[in-house]
Structures are given as structure tokens and as C-alpha cells.
Amino acid sequence: MPKIQFFSEGVSFRLSNQRKIISWIKKVIQTEGLELTSLNYVFCSDEYLLILNRQYLNHTTYTDIITFDNRDNESAPIEGDIFISIERVEENSLKFKTTFERELNRVIIHGVLHLVGYSDKSQGKKALMRKKEDTYLSLLA
């Protein structure tokens, strides 16, 4: 049975509405034509995520999310780890004038979109990903 789990590292955070979020994530993955094996979300601090960013991606900046695809190939069922900085999500919710919950949901689904094959490495790809985020956020409401 596919598993989606939530953990925290270095922060005191517990996701509310876990069952609703899990159903939503599964629906998005199914809509994108893929299956799910396991997906772990780790809510963490800026500092924790910065360490991962340096260690695995050679980036020296803060970020809101890092997604690790643990599959051997892209056609295999989704298996990954998604790390989310709660501090970045809080700051970005203020910056983008949205609620913390909506920004968190955007980041949660952003990681899933990376796992199903979307990229945000160019302006065009970033625009498509934002459109997909908006589409899938509307399913959660």
C-alpha cells in the first residue's frame, strides 16, 4: 500500500489535515499518470535545509524545498523525500501576501510536481509549474 508520511527535524511542527493532504497528493500523482510507492515529507528549519543544500546540491543559499527522487528510473512508481523549511514558507507567505497554509500547500505540491517530471529551471518551465500548482491547489479547496 502506498505510504505518505510526515516528519519534523529541528522544528516543532505538525501538519494539520493530514488525511486530506494525503488524499490530495495521491490524487495529483494519479492525475499525472503515475503510481506511488512512498513519499516522506520532512518539515525542518532553514539551517537544516541549508546543510542539505550545500551537501547534496552544492548550493549555498536558503531555499524553501529540496526534493530527492529515490527511484531508479522515471517510469517507476514515485518514491522520494521532500524537505521543506517551515521558516522559508512562513517568510514567503508574507512576501507573496498569502496564508501560511496556502503557501505550505503550494510547496508540498511543488515537490510532487518535481517527482512527476516537471522542472522549474527556465522561465517557461517555471510558468508551467506555477500553472500546475494553481490547478492542483484548486482541487484542495
N, C-alpha and C. Protein backbone atom coordinates (compact mmCIF):
# COMPACT_ATOMS: atom_id res chain seq x y z
N MET A 1 0.84 -1.18 0.00
CA MET A 1 0.00 0.00 0.00
C MET A 1 0.89 1.25 0.00
N PRO A 2 0.60 2.22 -0.86
CA PRO A 2 1.40 3.44 -0.92
C PRO A 2 1.38 4.19 0.42
N LYS A 3 2.52 4.77 0.74
CA LYS A 3 2.65 5.47 2.02
C LYS A 3 3.12 6.89 1.82
N ILE A 4 2.45 7.82 2.50
CA ILE A 4 2.91 9.21 2.60
C ILE A 4 3.03 9.49 4.08
N GLN A 5 4.23 9.92 4.49
CA GLN A 5 4.47 10.18 5.90
C GLN A 5 5.03 11.58 6.09
N PHE A 6 4.80 12.11 7.28
CA PHE A 6 5.26 13.45 7.62
C PHE A 6 6.11 13.39 8.88
N PHE A 7 7.25 14.07 8.83
CA PHE A 7 8.19 14.12 9.94
C PHE A 7 8.62 15.56 10.17
N SER A 8 9.23 15.82 11.31
CA SER A 8 9.83 17.14 11.53
C SER A 8 11.25 16.94 12.05
N GLU A 9 12.11 17.87 11.69
CA GLU A 9 13.51 17.82 12.08
C GLU A 9 13.96 19.22 12.47
N GLY A 10 14.22 19.40 13.76
CA GLY A 10 14.72 20.69 14.22
C GLY A 10 13.67 21.78 14.37
N VAL A 11 12.42 21.44 14.13
CA VAL A 11 11.32 22.38 14.33
C VAL A 11 10.17 21.65 15.00
N SER A 12 9.36 22.40 15.70
CA SER A 12 8.16 21.81 16.29
C SER A 12 7.01 22.13 15.34
N PHE A 13 6.67 21.18 14.50
CA PHE A 13 5.62 21.41 13.50
C PHE A 13 4.88 20.11 13.25
N ARG A 14 3.58 20.22 13.19
CA ARG A 14 2.73 19.09 12.84
C ARG A 14 1.71 19.57 11.82
N LEU A 15 1.66 18.89 10.71
CA LEU A 15 0.74 19.23 9.63
C LEU A 15 -0.69 18.93 10.05
N SER A 16 -1.56 19.92 9.94
CA SER A 16 -2.98 19.67 10.21
C SER A 16 -3.62 19.10 8.95
N ASN A 17 -4.75 18.46 9.11
CA ASN A 17 -5.48 17.88 7.99
C ASN A 17 -4.66 16.87 7.19
N GLN A 18 -3.89 16.03 7.89
CA GLN A 18 -3.01 15.09 7.20
C GLN A 18 -3.76 14.17 6.23
N ARG A 19 -4.90 13.65 6.65
CA ARG A 19 -5.64 12.73 5.77
C ARG A 19 -6.07 13.42 4.48
N LYS A 20 -6.55 14.64 4.61
CA LYS A 20 -6.98 15.41 3.44
C LYS A 20 -5.79 15.68 2.51
N ILE A 21 -4.65 16.04 3.09
CA ILE A 21 -3.44 16.33 2.30
C ILE A 21 -2.95 15.05 1.61
N ILE A 22 -2.97 13.93 2.33
CA ILE A 22 -2.53 12.66 1.74
C ILE A 22 -3.42 12.29 0.55
N SER A 23 -4.72 12.40 0.70
CA SER A 23 -5.65 12.09 -0.40
C SER A 23 -5.39 13.00 -1.59
N TRP A 24 -5.16 14.26 -1.31
CA TRP A 24 -4.88 15.25 -2.37
C TRP A 24 -3.60 14.90 -3.12
N ILE A 25 -2.54 14.59 -2.40
CA ILE A 25 -1.26 14.24 -3.03
C ILE A 25 -1.43 13.00 -3.92
N LYS A 26 -2.11 12.00 -3.40
CA LYS A 26 -2.34 10.77 -4.17
C LYS A 26 -3.13 11.06 -5.44
N LYS A 27 -4.12 11.94 -5.33
CA LYS A 27 -4.94 12.30 -6.49
C LYS A 27 -4.09 13.01 -7.55
N VAL A 28 -3.21 13.90 -7.12
CA VAL A 28 -2.33 14.61 -8.07
C VAL A 28 -1.43 13.62 -8.79
N ILE A 29 -0.82 12.71 -8.05
CA ILE A 29 0.07 11.72 -8.66
C ILE A 29 -0.69 10.85 -9.65
N GLN A 30 -1.89 10.43 -9.28
CA GLN A 30 -2.72 9.61 -10.16
C GLN A 30 -3.12 10.40 -11.41
N THR A 31 -3.50 11.67 -11.23
CA THR A 31 -3.89 12.53 -12.36
C THR A 31 -2.73 12.68 -13.34
N GLU A 32 -1.51 12.71 -12.82
CA GLU A 32 -0.32 12.84 -13.67
C GLU A 32 0.10 11.51 -14.30
N GLY A 33 -0.67 10.44 -14.02
CA GLY A 33 -0.44 9.16 -14.67
C GLY A 33 0.63 8.29 -14.03
N LEU A 34 0.95 8.56 -12.78
CA LEU A 34 1.98 7.77 -12.10
C LEU A 34 1.39 7.09 -10.87
N GLU A 35 2.16 6.15 -10.34
CA GLU A 35 1.79 5.46 -9.12
C GLU A 35 2.74 5.89 -8.01
N LEU A 36 2.38 5.54 -6.80
CA LEU A 36 3.14 5.94 -5.62
C LEU A 36 3.58 4.71 -4.84
N THR A 37 4.85 4.68 -4.45
CA THR A 37 5.34 3.67 -3.52
C THR A 37 5.44 4.29 -2.14
N SER A 38 6.29 5.32 -2.02
CA SER A 38 6.42 6.01 -0.73
C SER A 38 6.91 7.43 -0.92
N LEU A 39 6.43 8.28 -0.05
CA LEU A 39 6.79 9.69 -0.09
C LEU A 39 6.89 10.18 1.35
N ASN A 40 8.04 10.73 1.68
CA ASN A 40 8.28 11.26 3.01
C ASN A 40 8.47 12.76 2.94
N TYR A 41 7.73 13.48 3.77
CA TYR A 41 7.90 14.91 3.91
C TYR A 41 8.59 15.16 5.24
N VAL A 42 9.64 15.97 5.20
CA VAL A 42 10.34 16.35 6.42
C VAL A 42 10.27 17.86 6.54
N PHE A 43 9.56 18.33 7.55
CA PHE A 43 9.46 19.76 7.82
C PHE A 43 10.63 20.11 8.74
N CYS A 44 11.39 21.13 8.33
CA CYS A 44 12.64 21.40 9.03
C CYS A 44 12.92 22.90 9.11
N SER A 45 14.06 23.24 9.67
CA SER A 45 14.49 24.63 9.81
C SER A 45 15.28 25.07 8.57
N ASP A 46 15.46 26.37 8.45
CA ASP A 46 16.31 26.92 7.39
C ASP A 46 17.71 26.32 7.44
N GLU A 47 18.27 26.26 8.64
CA GLU A 47 19.64 25.79 8.80
C GLU A 47 19.78 24.33 8.39
N TYR A 48 18.82 23.50 8.75
CA TYR A 48 18.85 22.09 8.38
C TYR A 48 18.81 21.94 6.86
N LEU A 49 17.92 22.69 6.23
CA LEU A 49 17.79 22.61 4.78
C LEU A 49 19.02 23.19 4.08
N LEU A 50 19.62 24.20 4.65
CA LEU A 50 20.85 24.78 4.08
C LEU A 50 21.98 23.75 4.09
N ILE A 51 22.07 22.98 5.15
CA ILE A 51 23.09 21.92 5.21
C ILE A 51 22.87 20.91 4.08
N LEU A 52 21.63 20.50 3.87
CA LEU A 52 21.32 19.57 2.78
C LEU A 52 21.63 20.20 1.42
N ASN A 53 21.29 21.48 1.28
CA ASN A 53 21.52 22.20 0.03
C ASN A 53 23.01 22.22 -0.31
N ARG A 54 23.82 22.48 0.69
CA ARG A 54 25.28 22.50 0.48
C ARG A 54 25.81 21.10 0.19
N GLN A 55 25.39 20.14 1.00
CA GLN A 55 25.93 18.79 0.93
C GLN A 55 25.57 18.07 -0.36
N TYR A 56 24.32 18.19 -0.80
CA TYR A 56 23.87 17.40 -1.94
C TYR A 56 23.77 18.17 -3.25
N LEU A 57 23.59 19.48 -3.18
CA LEU A 57 23.39 20.26 -4.40
C LEU A 57 24.47 21.31 -4.65
N ASN A 58 25.41 21.43 -3.72
CA ASN A 58 26.47 22.44 -3.82
C ASN A 58 25.93 23.86 -3.96
N HIS A 59 24.78 24.13 -3.31
CA HIS A 59 24.19 25.46 -3.29
C HIS A 59 24.43 26.06 -1.91
N THR A 60 24.66 27.35 -1.87
CA THR A 60 24.96 28.00 -0.59
C THR A 60 23.87 28.97 -0.16
N THR A 61 22.68 28.79 -0.69
CA THR A 61 21.59 29.70 -0.36
C THR A 61 20.45 28.96 0.34
N TYR A 62 19.65 29.74 1.04
CA TYR A 62 18.45 29.17 1.66
C TYR A 62 17.44 28.87 0.58
N THR A 63 16.61 27.88 0.83
CA THR A 63 15.54 27.51 -0.10
C THR A 63 14.35 27.02 0.72
N ASP A 64 13.20 26.97 0.09
CA ASP A 64 12.02 26.50 0.81
C ASP A 64 11.83 25.00 0.70
N ILE A 65 12.41 24.38 -0.33
CA ILE A 65 12.17 22.96 -0.57
C ILE A 65 13.34 22.32 -1.31
N ILE A 66 13.61 21.08 -0.93
CA ILE A 66 14.52 20.23 -1.70
C ILE A 66 13.81 18.89 -1.87
N THR A 67 13.79 18.40 -3.10
CA THR A 67 13.12 17.15 -3.42
C THR A 67 14.17 16.13 -3.87
N PHE A 68 14.14 14.97 -3.25
CA PHE A 68 15.02 13.87 -3.63
C PHE A 68 14.18 12.76 -4.24
N ASP A 69 14.48 12.43 -5.49
CA ASP A 69 13.80 11.35 -6.20
C ASP A 69 14.60 10.08 -5.94
N ASN A 70 14.01 9.11 -5.28
CA ASN A 70 14.73 7.89 -4.90
C ASN A 70 14.47 6.71 -5.85
N ARG A 71 13.89 7.00 -7.00
CA ARG A 71 13.60 5.93 -7.96
C ARG A 71 14.83 5.63 -8.81
N ASP A 72 14.86 4.41 -9.35
CA ASP A 72 15.93 4.04 -10.27
C ASP A 72 15.68 4.60 -11.67
N ASN A 73 14.39 4.78 -12.03
CA ASN A 73 14.07 5.37 -13.33
C ASN A 73 12.74 6.11 -13.21
N GLU A 74 12.51 7.01 -14.14
CA GLU A 74 11.35 7.90 -14.07
C GLU A 74 10.01 7.18 -14.29
N SER A 75 10.03 5.98 -14.85
CA SER A 75 8.77 5.27 -15.07
C SER A 75 8.36 4.44 -13.85
N ALA A 76 9.24 4.32 -12.88
CA ALA A 76 8.92 3.57 -11.66
C ALA A 76 7.94 4.37 -10.82
N PRO A 77 7.21 3.71 -9.93
CA PRO A 77 6.32 4.45 -9.03
C PRO A 77 7.10 5.47 -8.19
N ILE A 78 6.42 6.54 -7.84
CA ILE A 78 7.03 7.63 -7.06
C ILE A 78 7.58 7.10 -5.75
N GLU A 79 8.82 7.46 -5.48
CA GLU A 79 9.47 7.15 -4.21
C GLU A 79 10.44 8.30 -3.95
N GLY A 80 10.17 9.09 -2.91
CA GLY A 80 11.02 10.24 -2.70
C GLY A 80 10.94 10.81 -1.30
N ASP A 81 11.82 11.77 -1.08
CA ASP A 81 11.88 12.52 0.18
C ASP A 81 11.83 14.00 -0.16
N ILE A 82 10.94 14.72 0.51
CA ILE A 82 10.77 16.14 0.27
C ILE A 82 11.02 16.87 1.59
N PHE A 83 12.00 17.77 1.59
CA PHE A 83 12.35 18.55 2.77
C PHE A 83 11.83 19.96 2.58
N ILE A 84 11.12 20.47 3.57
CA ILE A 84 10.50 21.79 3.48
C ILE A 84 10.90 22.62 4.69
N SER A 85 11.44 23.81 4.43
CA SER A 85 11.78 24.74 5.51
C SER A 85 10.52 25.50 5.94
N ILE A 86 10.11 25.26 7.16
CA ILE A 86 8.94 25.95 7.70
C ILE A 86 9.21 27.45 7.80
N GLU A 87 10.44 27.82 8.13
CA GLU A 87 10.80 29.25 8.22
C GLU A 87 10.68 29.94 6.86
N ARG A 88 11.13 29.27 5.80
CA ARG A 88 11.03 29.86 4.45
C ARG A 88 9.58 29.99 4.04
N VAL A 89 8.77 28.98 4.35
CA VAL A 89 7.35 29.02 3.99
C VAL A 89 6.67 30.18 4.71
N GLU A 90 6.99 30.36 5.99
CA GLU A 90 6.42 31.50 6.74
C GLU A 90 6.81 32.82 6.11
N GLU A 91 8.10 32.97 5.79
CA GLU A 91 8.58 34.22 5.19
C GLU A 91 7.95 34.45 3.81
N ASN A 92 7.88 33.39 3.02
CA ASN A 92 7.30 33.53 1.67
C ASN A 92 5.81 33.81 1.70
N SER A 93 5.11 33.31 2.70
CA SER A 93 3.68 33.62 2.79
C SER A 93 3.47 35.12 3.00
N LEU A 94 4.34 35.72 3.79
CA LEU A 94 4.26 37.18 3.97
C LEU A 94 4.68 37.91 2.69
N LYS A 95 5.75 37.46 2.09
CA LYS A 95 6.28 38.09 0.87
C LYS A 95 5.24 38.05 -0.27
N PHE A 96 4.55 36.92 -0.41
CA PHE A 96 3.59 36.76 -1.50
C PHE A 96 2.16 37.07 -1.09
N LYS A 97 2.01 37.59 0.13
CA LYS A 97 0.70 38.02 0.65
C LYS A 97 -0.36 36.91 0.55
N THR A 98 -0.01 35.78 1.11
CA THR A 98 -0.92 34.64 1.15
C THR A 98 -0.86 34.04 2.55
N THR A 99 -1.72 33.09 2.81
CA THR A 99 -1.70 32.46 4.12
C THR A 99 -0.56 31.45 4.20
N PHE A 100 -0.14 31.17 5.42
CA PHE A 100 0.90 30.15 5.63
C PHE A 100 0.42 28.82 5.07
N GLU A 101 -0.83 28.45 5.34
CA GLU A 101 -1.35 27.16 4.89
C GLU A 101 -1.33 27.05 3.36
N ARG A 102 -1.74 28.11 2.68
CA ARG A 102 -1.74 28.05 1.20
C ARG A 102 -0.32 27.95 0.65
N GLU A 103 0.59 28.71 1.23
CA GLU A 103 1.99 28.65 0.78
C GLU A 103 2.57 27.27 1.06
N LEU A 104 2.27 26.70 2.21
CA LEU A 104 2.75 25.37 2.54
C LEU A 104 2.20 24.35 1.55
N ASN A 105 0.92 24.43 1.25
CA ASN A 105 0.32 23.50 0.28
C ASN A 105 0.95 23.67 -1.10
N ARG A 106 1.26 24.91 -1.47
CA ARG A 106 1.92 25.14 -2.76
C ARG A 106 3.28 24.43 -2.79
N VAL A 107 4.03 24.56 -1.71
CA VAL A 107 5.35 23.94 -1.66
C VAL A 107 5.22 22.41 -1.61
N ILE A 108 4.26 21.91 -0.87
CA ILE A 108 4.03 20.46 -0.80
C ILE A 108 3.79 19.90 -2.20
N ILE A 109 2.95 20.56 -2.98
CA ILE A 109 2.63 20.03 -4.31
C ILE A 109 3.76 20.34 -5.31
N HIS A 110 4.52 21.39 -5.06
CA HIS A 110 5.68 21.71 -5.90
C HIS A 110 6.66 20.53 -5.89
N GLY A 111 6.90 19.97 -4.71
CA GLY A 111 7.79 18.81 -4.62
C GLY A 111 7.26 17.62 -5.40
N VAL A 112 5.96 17.39 -5.31
CA VAL A 112 5.34 16.29 -6.05
C VAL A 112 5.51 16.53 -7.56
N LEU A 113 5.31 17.75 -7.99
CA LEU A 113 5.45 18.06 -9.42
C LEU A 113 6.86 17.78 -9.91
N HIS A 114 7.86 18.06 -9.09
CA HIS A 114 9.23 17.68 -9.46
C HIS A 114 9.33 16.17 -9.64
N LEU A 115 8.74 15.42 -8.73
CA LEU A 115 8.83 13.96 -8.80
C LEU A 115 8.10 13.37 -10.00
N VAL A 116 7.06 14.04 -10.47
CA VAL A 116 6.34 13.51 -11.64
C VAL A 116 6.94 14.01 -12.95
N GLY A 117 7.99 14.84 -12.86
CA GLY A 117 8.72 15.19 -14.07
C GLY A 117 8.77 16.65 -14.46
N TYR A 118 8.17 17.53 -13.69
CA TYR A 118 8.20 18.95 -14.04
C TYR A 118 9.46 19.61 -13.49
N SER A 119 9.95 20.58 -14.23
CA SER A 119 11.15 21.32 -13.85
C SER A 119 10.81 22.81 -13.75
N ASP A 120 11.64 23.54 -13.04
CA ASP A 120 11.47 24.99 -12.97
C ASP A 120 12.79 25.70 -13.27
N LYS A 121 13.57 25.10 -14.17
CA LYS A 121 14.91 25.62 -14.48
C LYS A 121 14.92 26.69 -15.56
N SER A 122 13.79 26.99 -16.17
CA SER A 122 13.72 28.08 -17.15
C SER A 122 12.43 28.84 -16.89
N GLN A 123 12.29 30.01 -17.47
CA GLN A 123 11.09 30.83 -17.27
C GLN A 123 9.84 30.10 -17.76
N GLY A 124 9.94 29.46 -18.92
CA GLY A 124 8.79 28.74 -19.47
C GLY A 124 8.38 27.56 -18.61
N LYS A 125 9.36 26.80 -18.16
CA LYS A 125 9.09 25.65 -17.30
C LYS A 125 8.56 26.09 -15.94
N LYS A 126 9.09 27.20 -15.45
CA LYS A 126 8.63 27.74 -14.17
C LYS A 126 7.17 28.18 -14.27
N ALA A 127 6.81 28.79 -15.40
CA ALA A 127 5.42 29.23 -15.61
C ALA A 127 4.47 28.04 -15.68
N LEU A 128 4.89 26.97 -16.37
CA LEU A 128 4.06 25.77 -16.45
C LEU A 128 3.89 25.15 -15.06
N MET A 129 4.97 25.11 -14.29
CA MET A 129 4.88 24.54 -12.95
C MET A 129 3.95 25.37 -12.08
N ARG A 130 4.02 26.67 -12.17
CA ARG A 130 3.13 27.54 -11.39
C ARG A 130 1.67 27.30 -11.77
N LYS A 131 1.43 27.12 -13.08
CA LYS A 131 0.07 26.85 -13.54
C LYS A 131 -0.43 25.51 -12.97
N LYS A 132 0.43 24.50 -12.98
CA LYS A 132 0.07 23.20 -12.41
C LYS A 132 -0.19 23.32 -10.91
N GLU A 133 0.65 24.07 -10.20
CA GLU A 133 0.44 24.29 -8.76
C GLU A 133 -0.94 24.89 -8.53
N ASP A 134 -1.26 25.94 -9.29
CA ASP A 134 -2.57 26.61 -9.12
C ASP A 134 -3.72 25.65 -9.41
N THR A 135 -3.58 24.86 -10.46
CA THR A 135 -4.62 23.88 -10.81
C THR A 135 -4.84 22.90 -9.67
N TYR A 136 -3.76 22.36 -9.15
CA TYR A 136 -3.88 21.36 -8.10
C TYR A 136 -4.27 21.96 -6.75
N LEU A 137 -3.86 23.20 -6.50
CA LEU A 137 -4.32 23.87 -5.27
C LEU A 137 -5.83 24.04 -5.28
N SER A 138 -6.40 24.27 -6.46
CA SER A 138 -7.85 24.45 -6.55
C SER A 138 -8.60 23.16 -6.21
N LEU A 139 -7.96 22.01 -6.39
CA LEU A 139 -8.59 20.74 -6.04
C LEU A 139 -8.66 20.52 -4.53
N LEU A 140 -7.80 21.20 -3.81
CA LEU A 140 -7.73 21.04 -2.36
C LEU A 140 -8.78 21.87 -1.65
N ALA A 141 -9.18 22.96 -2.25
CA ALA A 141 -10.11 23.90 -1.59
C ALA A 141 -11.45 23.30 -1.27
